[in-house]
Amino acid sequence: MSILQANEITIRIIDKTIIHGLSLSVPEGKVTSIIGPNGCGKSTTLKALARIWPCYKGNVTFNGEDIKKFSHREFAQKLAILTQSPQSPADLTVKDLVEMGRFPHRNWFGRKSMEDDAHVEWALGQTNM
């Protein structure tokens, strides 16, 4: 079963079509890779799947629901993306980065909870970090 699916998506940026008519399925519980040469649209595709870039045509579904139907917070609790950047803060640890993924789950005051700590420790353990 697919947890994330793109259906004939077209992505345009400043009147230039970057992706045209792409369909793909990401199966639940599996590792999926998008590979290709520089400039072929890998990052743009990921950004469309994560609602960072809107689809000009087509749609993306998560668990069978159009991703546009989710609130920003609800969608951030379901799917996250970490894009590449040429530099990161020198004192940023892997644990700090994983903790940032808990932000959409925190209360209005933004304080981390014991539950956040447990999720972070679980994720670090699953990846042998």
N, C-alpha and C. Protein backbone atom coordinates (compact mmCIF):
# COMPACT_ATOMS: atom_id res chain seq x y z
N MET A 1 0.84 -1.19 0.00
CA MET A 1 0.00 0.00 0.00
C MET A 1 0.88 1.24 0.00
N SER A 2 0.49 2.25 -0.78
CA SER A 2 1.23 3.51 -0.86
C SER A 2 0.78 4.45 0.24
N ILE A 3 1.75 5.04 0.93
CA ILE A 3 1.43 6.03 1.94
C ILE A 3 1.44 7.43 1.33
N LEU A 4 2.27 7.62 0.30
CA LEU A 4 2.39 8.91 -0.37
C LEU A 4 2.35 8.66 -1.87
N GLN A 5 1.52 9.43 -2.55
CA GLN A 5 1.36 9.20 -3.98
C GLN A 5 1.22 10.52 -4.72
N ALA A 6 1.93 10.64 -5.84
CA ALA A 6 1.80 11.78 -6.74
C ALA A 6 1.08 11.29 -7.98
N ASN A 7 0.08 12.05 -8.41
CA ASN A 7 -0.75 11.66 -9.55
C ASN A 7 -0.66 12.71 -10.66
N GLU A 8 0.14 12.41 -11.68
CA GLU A 8 0.28 13.28 -12.85
C GLU A 8 0.58 14.73 -12.46
N ILE A 9 1.56 14.92 -11.56
CA ILE A 9 1.84 16.28 -11.10
C ILE A 9 2.73 17.03 -12.10
N THR A 10 2.41 18.30 -12.25
CA THR A 10 3.23 19.23 -13.03
C THR A 10 3.59 20.36 -12.08
N ILE A 11 4.86 20.70 -12.05
CA ILE A 11 5.35 21.76 -11.18
C ILE A 11 5.98 22.83 -12.03
N ARG A 12 5.51 24.06 -11.83
CA ARG A 12 6.03 25.20 -12.57
C ARG A 12 6.59 26.20 -11.58
N ILE A 13 7.72 26.76 -11.93
CA ILE A 13 8.35 27.80 -11.12
C ILE A 13 8.65 28.97 -12.05
N ILE A 14 8.06 30.10 -11.74
CA ILE A 14 8.20 31.32 -12.56
C ILE A 14 8.00 31.00 -14.04
N ASP A 15 6.85 30.46 -14.36
CA ASP A 15 6.44 30.16 -15.73
C ASP A 15 7.33 29.15 -16.46
N LYS A 16 8.14 28.41 -15.72
CA LYS A 16 8.96 27.36 -16.33
C LYS A 16 8.52 26.02 -15.75
N THR A 17 8.18 25.09 -16.62
CA THR A 17 7.80 23.76 -16.17
C THR A 17 9.06 22.99 -15.79
N ILE A 18 9.09 22.56 -14.52
CA ILE A 18 10.23 21.81 -14.00
C ILE A 18 9.94 20.31 -14.04
N ILE A 19 8.73 19.93 -13.64
CA ILE A 19 8.28 18.54 -13.65
C ILE A 19 6.98 18.50 -14.45
N HIS A 20 6.86 17.53 -15.35
CA HIS A 20 5.65 17.44 -16.18
C HIS A 20 5.05 16.04 -16.10
N GLY A 21 3.82 15.95 -15.58
CA GLY A 21 3.06 14.70 -15.59
C GLY A 21 3.68 13.55 -14.82
N LEU A 22 4.32 13.83 -13.71
CA LEU A 22 4.98 12.79 -12.93
C LEU A 22 3.99 12.07 -12.01
N SER A 23 4.04 10.77 -12.01
CA SER A 23 3.28 9.95 -11.06
C SER A 23 4.28 9.04 -10.34
N LEU A 24 4.08 8.90 -9.03
CA LEU A 24 4.93 8.00 -8.26
C LEU A 24 4.19 7.57 -7.01
N SER A 25 4.60 6.43 -6.48
CA SER A 25 4.03 5.89 -5.25
C SER A 25 5.16 5.57 -4.29
N VAL A 26 4.98 5.97 -3.03
CA VAL A 26 5.94 5.64 -1.98
C VAL A 26 5.27 4.62 -1.08
N PRO A 27 5.75 3.38 -1.10
CA PRO A 27 5.11 2.34 -0.28
C PRO A 27 5.39 2.54 1.20
N GLU A 28 4.40 2.22 2.00
CA GLU A 28 4.52 2.33 3.45
C GLU A 28 5.53 1.32 3.97
N GLY A 29 6.39 1.79 4.89
CA GLY A 29 7.34 0.89 5.54
C GLY A 29 8.55 0.51 4.70
N LYS A 30 8.74 1.16 3.57
CA LYS A 30 9.87 0.85 2.69
C LYS A 30 10.72 2.10 2.50
N VAL A 31 11.99 1.89 2.18
CA VAL A 31 12.87 2.99 1.84
C VAL A 31 12.73 3.24 0.34
N THR A 32 12.51 4.49 -0.02
CA THR A 32 12.35 4.85 -1.43
C THR A 32 13.39 5.90 -1.78
N SER A 33 14.05 5.73 -2.91
CA SER A 33 15.07 6.68 -3.36
C SER A 33 14.64 7.34 -4.64
N ILE A 34 14.97 8.61 -4.77
CA ILE A 34 14.79 9.34 -6.02
C ILE A 34 16.20 9.69 -6.48
N ILE A 35 16.60 9.12 -7.60
CA ILE A 35 17.96 9.33 -8.09
C ILE A 35 17.94 9.92 -9.49
N GLY A 36 18.98 10.66 -9.81
CA GLY A 36 19.10 11.26 -11.13
C GLY A 36 20.19 12.31 -11.12
N PRO A 37 20.53 12.83 -12.28
CA PRO A 37 21.60 13.82 -12.38
C PRO A 37 21.18 15.16 -11.77
N ASN A 38 22.18 15.99 -11.49
CA ASN A 38 21.90 17.33 -10.98
C ASN A 38 20.97 18.07 -11.93
N GLY A 39 20.01 18.77 -11.35
CA GLY A 39 19.11 19.60 -12.14
C GLY A 39 17.95 18.88 -12.78
N CYS A 40 17.73 17.61 -12.45
CA CYS A 40 16.64 16.86 -13.11
C CYS A 40 15.30 17.00 -12.39
N GLY A 41 15.29 17.62 -11.19
CA GLY A 41 14.01 17.85 -10.50
C GLY A 41 13.79 17.02 -9.25
N LYS A 42 14.82 16.37 -8.74
CA LYS A 42 14.66 15.54 -7.53
C LYS A 42 14.20 16.37 -6.34
N SER A 43 14.90 17.45 -6.07
CA SER A 43 14.55 18.31 -4.93
C SER A 43 13.19 18.97 -5.13
N THR A 44 12.91 19.38 -6.34
CA THR A 44 11.63 20.00 -6.65
C THR A 44 10.49 19.01 -6.42
N THR A 45 10.70 17.76 -6.82
CA THR A 45 9.70 16.72 -6.58
C THR A 45 9.45 16.54 -5.09
N LEU A 46 10.53 16.43 -4.31
CA LEU A 46 10.39 16.28 -2.86
C LEU A 46 9.66 17.46 -2.25
N LYS A 47 9.97 18.66 -2.72
CA LYS A 47 9.30 19.85 -2.18
C LYS A 47 7.82 19.87 -2.54
N ALA A 48 7.45 19.34 -3.69
CA ALA A 48 6.03 19.24 -4.04
C ALA A 48 5.33 18.21 -3.16
N LEU A 49 6.00 17.09 -2.90
CA LEU A 49 5.42 16.06 -2.04
C LEU A 49 5.23 16.57 -0.61
N ALA A 50 6.08 17.51 -0.20
CA ALA A 50 6.02 18.05 1.16
C ALA A 50 5.24 19.37 1.25
N ARG A 51 4.57 19.77 0.19
CA ARG A 51 3.75 21.00 0.15
C ARG A 51 4.55 22.28 0.20
N ILE A 52 5.83 22.23 -0.11
CA ILE A 52 6.64 23.45 -0.15
C ILE A 52 6.41 24.16 -1.48
N TRP A 53 6.39 23.40 -2.58
CA TRP A 53 6.02 23.93 -3.89
C TRP A 53 4.63 23.42 -4.24
N PRO A 54 3.75 24.28 -4.70
CA PRO A 54 2.42 23.81 -5.11
C PRO A 54 2.49 23.11 -6.48
N CYS A 55 1.60 22.18 -6.67
CA CYS A 55 1.49 21.51 -7.97
C CYS A 55 0.64 22.38 -8.89
N TYR A 56 1.14 22.62 -10.08
CA TYR A 56 0.40 23.38 -11.09
C TYR A 56 -0.76 22.53 -11.62
N LYS A 57 -0.50 21.25 -11.78
CA LYS A 57 -1.51 20.27 -12.18
C LYS A 57 -1.29 19.00 -11.39
N GLY A 58 -2.32 18.17 -11.31
CA GLY A 58 -2.23 16.91 -10.61
C GLY A 58 -2.40 17.10 -9.11
N ASN A 59 -2.21 16.01 -8.37
CA ASN A 59 -2.35 16.11 -6.92
C ASN A 59 -1.45 15.09 -6.22
N VAL A 60 -1.25 15.35 -4.94
CA VAL A 60 -0.47 14.47 -4.08
C VAL A 60 -1.37 14.01 -2.96
N THR A 61 -1.33 12.71 -2.64
CA THR A 61 -2.14 12.19 -1.55
C THR A 61 -1.24 11.55 -0.50
N PHE A 62 -1.68 11.65 0.75
CA PHE A 62 -1.02 10.99 1.87
C PHE A 62 -2.07 10.12 2.53
N ASN A 63 -1.82 8.82 2.58
CA ASN A 63 -2.81 7.86 3.10
C ASN A 63 -4.17 8.02 2.40
N GLY A 64 -4.13 8.30 1.11
CA GLY A 64 -5.34 8.41 0.32
C GLY A 64 -6.05 9.75 0.38
N GLU A 65 -5.56 10.69 1.20
CA GLU A 65 -6.18 12.01 1.33
C GLU A 65 -5.33 13.05 0.62
N ASP A 66 -5.99 13.95 -0.11
CA ASP A 66 -5.28 15.05 -0.76
C ASP A 66 -4.53 15.85 0.30
N ILE A 67 -3.25 16.12 0.08
CA ILE A 67 -2.45 16.80 1.10
C ILE A 67 -2.93 18.24 1.35
N LYS A 68 -3.68 18.80 0.42
CA LYS A 68 -4.20 20.16 0.61
C LYS A 68 -5.28 20.21 1.70
N LYS A 69 -5.86 19.07 2.03
CA LYS A 69 -6.94 19.02 3.03
C LYS A 69 -6.42 19.10 4.47
N PHE A 70 -5.13 18.84 4.67
CA PHE A 70 -4.56 18.87 6.01
C PHE A 70 -4.18 20.30 6.40
N SER A 71 -4.34 20.63 7.67
CA SER A 71 -3.81 21.90 8.15
C SER A 71 -2.29 21.81 8.10
N HIS A 72 -1.61 22.96 8.16
CA HIS A 72 -0.15 22.95 8.12
C HIS A 72 0.42 22.13 9.27
N ARG A 73 -0.12 22.33 10.45
CA ARG A 73 0.37 21.62 11.63
C ARG A 73 0.13 20.11 11.51
N GLU A 74 -1.08 19.74 11.08
CA GLU A 74 -1.42 18.32 10.95
C GLU A 74 -0.52 17.64 9.92
N PHE A 75 -0.27 18.32 8.80
CA PHE A 75 0.58 17.73 7.77
C PHE A 75 2.03 17.64 8.25
N ALA A 76 2.49 18.65 8.99
CA ALA A 76 3.86 18.63 9.53
C ALA A 76 4.04 17.50 10.54
N GLN A 77 2.96 17.10 11.19
CA GLN A 77 3.04 15.97 12.12
C GLN A 77 3.14 14.64 11.38
N LYS A 78 2.76 14.62 10.12
CA LYS A 78 2.75 13.39 9.34
C LYS A 78 3.97 13.23 8.45
N LEU A 79 4.48 14.34 7.93
CA LEU A 79 5.56 14.27 6.96
C LEU A 79 6.51 15.45 7.15
N ALA A 80 7.80 15.18 7.08
CA ALA A 80 8.80 16.24 7.20
C ALA A 80 9.85 16.06 6.12
N ILE A 81 10.51 17.14 5.81
CA ILE A 81 11.59 17.11 4.82
C ILE A 81 12.75 17.94 5.37
N LEU A 82 13.94 17.46 5.13
CA LEU A 82 15.15 18.19 5.50
C LEU A 82 15.91 18.44 4.21
N THR A 83 15.88 19.67 3.75
CA THR A 83 16.53 20.00 2.49
C THR A 83 18.01 20.28 2.72
N GLN A 84 18.76 20.19 1.65
CA GLN A 84 20.20 20.43 1.74
C GLN A 84 20.47 21.92 1.89
N SER A 85 21.53 22.20 2.60
CA SER A 85 22.01 23.57 2.75
C SER A 85 23.52 23.50 2.75
N PRO A 86 24.18 24.48 2.15
CA PRO A 86 25.63 24.41 2.08
C PRO A 86 26.32 24.49 3.45
N GLN A 87 25.65 25.11 4.43
CA GLN A 87 26.25 25.23 5.75
C GLN A 87 25.20 25.00 6.82
N SER A 88 25.65 24.50 7.96
CA SER A 88 24.78 24.38 9.12
C SER A 88 25.54 24.97 10.31
N PRO A 89 24.81 25.37 11.33
CA PRO A 89 25.50 25.92 12.51
C PRO A 89 26.51 24.92 13.05
N ALA A 90 27.68 25.39 13.42
CA ALA A 90 28.78 24.53 13.86
C ALA A 90 28.42 23.72 15.11
N ASP A 91 27.56 24.26 15.96
CA ASP A 91 27.25 23.58 17.22
C ASP A 91 25.96 22.76 17.16
N LEU A 92 25.39 22.58 15.97
CA LEU A 92 24.16 21.80 15.81
C LEU A 92 24.49 20.31 15.84
N THR A 93 23.91 19.59 16.79
CA THR A 93 24.14 18.14 16.87
C THR A 93 23.03 17.39 16.14
N VAL A 94 23.27 16.12 15.89
CA VAL A 94 22.25 15.27 15.27
C VAL A 94 21.02 15.23 16.17
N LYS A 95 21.24 15.11 17.48
CA LYS A 95 20.12 15.07 18.42
C LYS A 95 19.30 16.36 18.34
N ASP A 96 19.98 17.52 18.25
CA ASP A 96 19.28 18.80 18.10
C ASP A 96 18.40 18.80 16.85
N LEU A 97 18.95 18.28 15.78
CA LEU A 97 18.23 18.23 14.51
C LEU A 97 17.00 17.33 14.61
N VAL A 98 17.15 16.17 15.24
CA VAL A 98 16.03 15.25 15.42
C VAL A 98 14.97 15.90 16.32
N GLU A 99 15.39 16.60 17.35
CA GLU A 99 14.45 17.29 18.24
C GLU A 99 13.61 18.32 17.49
N MET A 100 14.18 18.94 16.47
CA MET A 100 13.41 19.92 15.67
C MET A 100 12.21 19.26 14.99
N GLY A 101 12.33 17.99 14.70
CA GLY A 101 11.22 17.26 14.09
C GLY A 101 10.02 17.10 15.01
N ARG A 102 10.21 17.35 16.29
CA ARG A 102 9.11 17.26 17.26
C ARG A 102 8.34 18.58 17.39
N PHE A 103 8.81 19.64 16.77
CA PHE A 103 8.18 20.95 16.92
C PHE A 103 6.67 20.94 16.63
N PRO A 104 6.20 20.32 15.54
CA PRO A 104 4.75 20.34 15.27
C PRO A 104 3.91 19.59 16.31
N HIS A 105 4.55 18.81 17.16
CA HIS A 105 3.83 18.02 18.17
C HIS A 105 3.77 18.71 19.53
N ARG A 106 4.47 19.82 19.66
CA ARG A 106 4.55 20.50 20.95
C ARG A 106 3.34 21.37 21.22
N ASN A 107 3.17 21.71 22.50
CA ASN A 107 2.05 22.58 22.88
C ASN A 107 2.34 24.02 22.46
N TRP A 108 1.41 24.90 22.75
CA TRP A 108 1.53 26.30 22.32
C TRP A 108 2.75 26.99 22.90
N PHE A 109 3.22 26.55 24.06
CA PHE A 109 4.36 27.18 24.69
C PHE A 109 5.69 26.68 24.12
N GLY A 110 5.63 25.63 23.33
CA GLY A 110 6.81 25.13 22.63
C GLY A 110 7.80 24.36 23.49
N ARG A 111 7.40 24.04 24.70
CA ARG A 111 8.32 23.30 25.58
C ARG A 111 8.31 21.82 25.20
N LYS A 112 9.49 21.22 25.26
CA LYS A 112 9.52 19.78 24.96
C LYS A 112 9.08 19.00 26.19
N SER A 113 8.52 17.85 25.91
CA SER A 113 7.98 17.01 26.97
C SER A 113 8.78 15.71 27.07
N MET A 114 8.43 14.93 28.07
CA MET A 114 9.05 13.61 28.20
C MET A 114 8.71 12.74 26.99
N GLU A 115 7.51 12.94 26.44
CA GLU A 115 7.11 12.20 25.25
C GLU A 115 8.01 12.57 24.07
N ASP A 116 8.33 13.87 23.93
CA ASP A 116 9.25 14.30 22.87
C ASP A 116 10.61 13.61 23.05
N ASP A 117 11.12 13.63 24.27
CA ASP A 117 12.40 12.98 24.55
C ASP A 117 12.37 11.50 24.18
N ALA A 118 11.28 10.83 24.50
CA ALA A 118 11.15 9.40 24.20
C ALA A 118 11.16 9.16 22.69
N HIS A 119 10.46 10.00 21.94
CA HIS A 119 10.43 9.86 20.48
C HIS A 119 11.82 10.11 19.87
N VAL A 120 12.50 11.11 20.39
CA VAL A 120 13.84 11.42 19.89
C VAL A 120 14.79 10.26 20.18
N GLU A 121 14.76 9.75 21.38
CA GLU A 121 15.62 8.62 21.73
C GLU A 121 15.30 7.39 20.88
N TRP A 122 14.01 7.15 20.62
CA TRP A 122 13.60 6.03 19.77
C TRP A 122 14.19 6.20 18.36
N ALA A 123 14.04 7.41 17.79
CA ALA A 123 14.54 7.66 16.44
C ALA A 123 16.05 7.50 16.36
N LEU A 124 16.76 8.03 17.33
CA LEU A 124 18.21 7.87 17.36
C LEU A 124 18.60 6.41 17.51
N GLY A 125 17.87 5.67 18.30
CA GLY A 125 18.13 4.23 18.46
C GLY A 125 17.87 3.46 17.20
N GLN A 126 16.79 3.79 16.48
CA GLN A 126 16.46 3.10 15.24
C GLN A 126 17.51 3.28 14.17
N THR A 127 18.23 4.40 14.23
CA THR A 127 19.26 4.70 13.23
C THR A 127 20.67 4.49 13.77
N ASN A 128 20.74 3.85 14.95
CA ASN A 128 22.05 3.56 15.57
C ASN A 128 22.91 4.81 15.75
N MET A 129 22.26 5.88 16.13
CA MET A 129 22.99 7.14 16.34
C MET A 129 23.27 7.35 17.81
